[in-house]
Amino acid sequence: AATASAAVGAAADAFARMGAVTDRQISAFFEAFAARLDDHTTFAPIAAANAADIEATKARGRSTTRLELTSSMRSDMAAGLRSWAAAPSGRGEVIERVEHDGWSAELRRAGLGVVGFVFEGRPNVFADACGVIRSGNTVVFRIGSDALRTARAIVEHALEPALAEAGLPSGSASLVDSAAHAAGWAMFSDARLGLAVARGSGLAVTQLGTVARQA
C-alpha cells in the first residue's frame, strides 16, 4: 500500500504542475523516449533485464510469449511514441461556446488527472499508456511480476531521462515497484486516480474493476 501510494502521490504532484508544461515539451518527451529505445547503448541494459525476466519466468514454467521485448516490439514502441509526439494535445480546446448579451460561456477540454494502468507482461504497454501525457495527464503503472525487471530498466534508462530532458515534472510517469498482486489493488483503491485501466482478462481484471469503482 505504501509503495502504491507513493507512486500515485508522485503522479498527482506532477499533474498539479502540468499546467506550466507546454505542448512542445510534451512532444519532446515522446521523441526523447523513442530515441533512447532506438539507441543500442541505452537499450542494452533494458535488453539484459528482459533476458533475465525471460529466464526467471521459464524457470517457473510459465509462458514468455508476451514477455519478450523483440526487435519488432522495440520498433513498434518507438513508432508509437513518435505518433504521440505528432498528435494534437487537445489541452484547453474549446468544445462549445455560448454567446450571451455582454458575456459568453465556453466548455473547454481538460485533463482527467492521474491515470492508473495495471497490465501483465507486455513491455510495449509502457509506450501505449504514456500516451495519456499527450493531453496533460500523468500516469502510474503496475506491471506483472514476470516483467518487473524490464519495467525497472525502461524507467531508469529511457523513461525518466526523457522526462528530465523535456522538462516534465518528475513523477509524470511513475512505476509501482512491487511484484505483489496486492499493489494493483492498493493502487486502484486510491481515490486520487482520475481513471483506472486494467489490461487483460479474467477474474483478476474483474476484481480490479470492482475495487476501482468502489474507490
Protein backbone atom coordinates (compact mmCIF):
# COMPACT_ATOMS: atom_id res chain seq x y z
CA ALA A 1 0.00 0.00 0.00
CA ALA A 2 2.84 2.39 0.85
CA THR A 3 4.59 1.66 -2.47
CA ALA A 4 1.40 2.24 -4.47
CA SER A 5 0.52 5.37 -2.51
CA ALA A 6 3.96 6.87 -3.12
CA ALA A 7 3.75 6.24 -6.87
CA VAL A 8 0.24 7.72 -7.12
CA GLY A 9 1.32 10.65 -4.97
CA ALA A 10 4.25 11.40 -7.29
CA ALA A 11 1.91 11.33 -10.30
CA ALA A 12 -0.63 13.54 -8.52
CA ASP A 13 2.06 16.10 -7.62
CA ALA A 14 3.25 16.06 -11.23
CA PHE A 15 -0.29 16.62 -12.53
CA ALA A 16 -0.59 19.71 -10.33
CA ARG A 17 2.41 21.14 -12.23
CA MET A 18 1.44 20.03 -15.74
CA GLY A 19 -0.36 23.32 -16.41
CA ALA A 20 3.03 25.02 -16.72
CA VAL A 21 4.27 22.46 -19.28
CA THR A 22 3.99 23.35 -22.97
CA ASP A 23 2.78 21.07 -25.74
CA ARG A 24 6.25 21.35 -27.28
CA GLN A 25 7.81 19.96 -24.10
CA ILE A 26 5.40 17.02 -24.15
CA SER A 27 6.31 16.30 -27.78
CA ALA A 28 9.99 16.50 -26.83
CA PHE A 29 9.41 13.89 -24.10
CA PHE A 30 7.95 11.37 -26.55
CA GLU A 31 10.76 11.99 -29.03
CA ALA A 32 13.42 11.59 -26.33
CA PHE A 33 11.80 8.39 -25.01
CA ALA A 34 11.72 6.93 -28.54
CA ALA A 35 15.33 7.95 -29.21
CA ARG A 36 16.50 6.13 -26.09
CA LEU A 37 14.73 2.96 -27.12
CA ASP A 38 16.36 3.22 -30.56
CA ASP A 39 19.84 3.81 -29.15
CA HIS A 40 21.73 0.49 -28.84
CA THR A 41 23.84 1.62 -25.89
CA THR A 42 20.86 2.86 -23.90
CA PHE A 43 18.81 -0.18 -24.81
CA ALA A 44 21.46 -2.72 -23.80
CA PRO A 45 20.60 -2.78 -20.06
CA ILE A 46 16.89 -2.97 -20.94
CA ALA A 47 17.56 -5.99 -23.16
CA ALA A 48 19.63 -7.60 -20.38
CA ALA A 49 16.84 -7.07 -17.87
CA ASN A 50 14.31 -8.54 -20.28
CA ALA A 51 16.52 -11.61 -20.84
CA ALA A 52 16.71 -12.09 -17.05
CA ASP A 53 12.91 -11.83 -16.79
CA ILE A 54 12.51 -14.42 -19.53
CA GLU A 55 14.90 -16.89 -17.87
CA ALA A 56 13.22 -16.47 -14.47
CA THR A 57 9.78 -16.92 -16.00
CA LYS A 58 10.86 -20.06 -17.88
CA ALA A 59 12.27 -21.46 -14.63
CA ARG A 60 8.80 -21.06 -13.11
CA GLY A 61 7.30 -22.98 -16.03
CA ARG A 62 5.37 -20.01 -17.36
CA SER A 63 4.90 -18.76 -20.92
CA THR A 64 7.21 -15.97 -22.13
CA THR A 65 5.40 -15.27 -25.43
CA ARG A 66 4.13 -11.84 -24.40
CA LEU A 67 7.12 -11.03 -22.23
CA GLU A 68 9.91 -10.98 -24.81
CA LEU A 69 10.91 -7.49 -25.92
CA THR A 70 11.67 -8.40 -29.54
CA SER A 71 13.20 -6.09 -32.12
CA SER A 72 9.79 -5.63 -33.73
CA MET A 73 8.19 -4.75 -30.37
CA ARG A 74 11.02 -2.30 -29.71
CA SER A 75 10.48 -0.66 -33.10
CA ASP A 76 6.72 -0.52 -32.57
CA MET A 77 7.19 1.12 -29.17
CA ALA A 78 9.41 3.83 -30.64
CA ALA A 79 7.00 4.37 -33.54
CA GLY A 80 4.08 4.60 -31.13
CA LEU A 81 5.87 7.20 -29.03
CA ARG A 82 6.65 9.27 -32.12
CA SER A 83 2.99 9.10 -33.17
CA TRP A 84 2.08 10.57 -29.77
CA ALA A 85 4.69 13.29 -30.31
CA ALA A 86 2.94 14.30 -33.54
CA ALA A 87 -0.62 14.03 -32.19
CA PRO A 88 -2.64 17.10 -31.20
CA SER A 89 -2.92 17.59 -27.45
CA GLY A 90 -6.48 18.87 -27.12
CA ARG A 91 -5.49 20.72 -23.94
CA GLY A 92 -7.68 23.78 -23.49
CA GLU A 93 -9.57 23.10 -26.73
CA VAL A 94 -12.90 24.92 -26.89
CA ILE A 95 -15.61 22.30 -27.40
CA GLU A 96 -18.58 24.65 -27.26
CA ARG A 97 -19.15 28.40 -26.88
CA VAL A 98 -22.44 30.07 -26.00
CA GLU A 99 -22.79 33.80 -26.58
CA HIS A 100 -24.99 35.93 -24.33
CA ASP A 101 -25.65 39.66 -24.22
CA GLY A 102 -22.34 41.07 -22.99
CA TRP A 103 -20.81 37.78 -21.91
CA SER A 104 -20.10 34.25 -23.12
CA ALA A 105 -19.54 30.77 -21.70
CA GLU A 106 -17.08 28.19 -23.01
CA LEU A 107 -16.79 24.45 -22.48
CA ARG A 108 -13.08 23.57 -22.62
CA ARG A 109 -11.28 20.24 -22.68
CA ALA A 110 -9.17 19.50 -19.58
CA GLY A 111 -7.10 16.61 -18.27
CA LEU A 112 -8.53 13.81 -16.14
CA GLY A 113 -5.58 13.82 -13.75
CA VAL A 114 -3.71 10.65 -12.78
CA VAL A 115 -4.43 7.62 -14.97
CA GLY A 116 -3.62 4.27 -13.38
CA PHE A 117 -2.72 1.22 -15.51
CA VAL A 118 -2.46 -2.38 -14.35
CA PHE A 119 -1.13 -4.74 -17.01
CA GLU A 120 0.60 -8.07 -17.25
CA GLY A 121 3.87 -8.78 -19.00
CA ARG A 122 3.79 -6.82 -22.26
CA PRO A 123 6.56 -4.18 -22.11
CA ASN A 124 5.04 -2.29 -25.06
CA VAL A 125 2.15 -1.16 -22.85
CA PHE A 126 4.57 1.39 -21.40
CA ALA A 127 4.51 3.26 -24.71
CA ASP A 128 0.73 2.89 -25.04
CA ALA A 129 -0.01 4.11 -21.52
CA CYS A 130 2.35 7.09 -21.71
CA GLY A 131 0.08 8.44 -24.43
CA VAL A 132 -2.15 9.98 -21.74
CA ILE A 133 0.62 12.52 -21.09
CA ARG A 134 -0.12 13.98 -24.56
CA SER A 135 -3.33 15.55 -23.23
CA GLY A 136 -1.78 16.80 -19.99
CA ASN A 137 -2.48 13.84 -17.73
CA THR A 138 0.03 11.86 -15.70
CA VAL A 139 0.30 8.08 -15.44
CA VAL A 140 1.12 5.42 -12.87
CA PHE A 141 1.83 1.78 -13.82
CA ARG A 142 1.72 -1.57 -12.11
CA ILE A 143 3.18 -4.38 -14.24
CA GLY A 144 3.12 -8.14 -13.61
CA SER A 145 5.99 -9.67 -11.65
CA ASP A 146 7.29 -11.54 -14.72
CA ALA A 147 8.23 -8.23 -16.39
CA LEU A 148 9.24 -6.15 -13.38
CA ARG A 149 13.00 -6.16 -14.15
CA THR A 150 12.24 -4.99 -17.69
CA ALA A 151 9.96 -2.27 -16.39
CA ARG A 152 12.55 -1.00 -13.94
CA ALA A 153 15.16 -0.86 -16.69
CA ILE A 154 12.86 1.02 -19.08
CA VAL A 155 12.08 3.55 -16.34
CA GLU A 156 15.74 4.00 -15.34
CA HIS A 157 17.37 4.12 -18.76
CA ALA A 158 14.68 5.60 -21.05
CA LEU A 159 11.57 6.95 -19.38
CA GLU A 160 12.90 9.07 -16.51
CA PRO A 161 15.82 10.53 -18.53
CA ALA A 162 13.32 11.52 -21.26
CA LEU A 163 11.08 13.26 -18.71
CA ALA A 164 14.07 15.16 -17.32
CA GLU A 165 15.37 16.13 -20.78
CA ALA A 166 11.99 17.54 -21.81
CA GLY A 167 11.50 19.38 -18.51
CA LEU A 168 8.37 17.47 -17.48
CA PRO A 169 7.70 17.15 -13.74
CA SER A 170 9.30 14.19 -12.01
CA GLY A 171 6.58 11.61 -11.42
CA SER A 172 4.69 12.35 -14.64
CA ALA A 173 5.05 8.61 -15.29
CA SER A 174 5.54 6.50 -12.16
CA LEU A 175 6.07 2.78 -11.67
CA VAL A 176 4.57 0.94 -8.71
CA ASP A 177 7.74 -1.01 -7.98
CA SER A 178 6.23 -4.11 -6.39
CA ALA A 179 5.78 -7.70 -7.54
CA ALA A 180 2.80 -8.21 -5.22
CA HIS A 181 -0.68 -8.55 -6.73
CA ALA A 182 -1.91 -6.51 -3.78
CA ALA A 183 -0.04 -3.49 -5.17
CA GLY A 184 -2.54 -3.30 -8.04
CA TRP A 185 -5.45 -3.47 -5.61
CA ALA A 186 -3.87 -0.76 -3.48
CA MET A 187 -3.31 1.49 -6.49
CA PHE A 188 -6.89 1.08 -7.73
CA SER A 189 -8.15 1.84 -4.20
CA ASP A 190 -6.52 5.29 -4.31
CA ALA A 191 -9.17 7.97 -4.83
CA ARG A 192 -6.56 10.29 -6.36
CA LEU A 193 -6.80 8.36 -9.64
CA GLY A 194 -8.89 10.09 -12.27
CA LEU A 195 -9.15 6.94 -14.40
CA ALA A 196 -8.26 3.28 -13.75
CA VAL A 197 -7.40 0.95 -16.65
CA ALA A 198 -6.90 -2.80 -16.20
CA ARG A 199 -5.40 -4.51 -19.25
CA GLY A 200 -6.07 -8.23 -19.57
CA SER A 201 -8.91 -10.64 -18.95
CA GLY A 202 -10.25 -12.98 -16.33
CA LEU A 203 -11.23 -12.78 -12.70
CA ALA A 204 -8.34 -10.56 -11.60
CA VAL A 205 -9.35 -7.78 -14.01
CA THR A 206 -12.99 -8.03 -12.91
CA GLN A 207 -11.92 -7.76 -9.27
CA LEU A 208 -9.70 -4.76 -10.01
CA GLY A 209 -12.61 -3.06 -11.78
CA THR A 210 -14.77 -3.57 -8.72
CA VAL A 211 -12.08 -2.10 -6.46
CA ALA A 212 -11.75 0.95 -8.73
CA ARG A 213 -15.50 1.57 -8.87
CA GLN A 214 -15.72 1.42 -5.07
CA ALA A 215 -12.93 4.00 -4.78
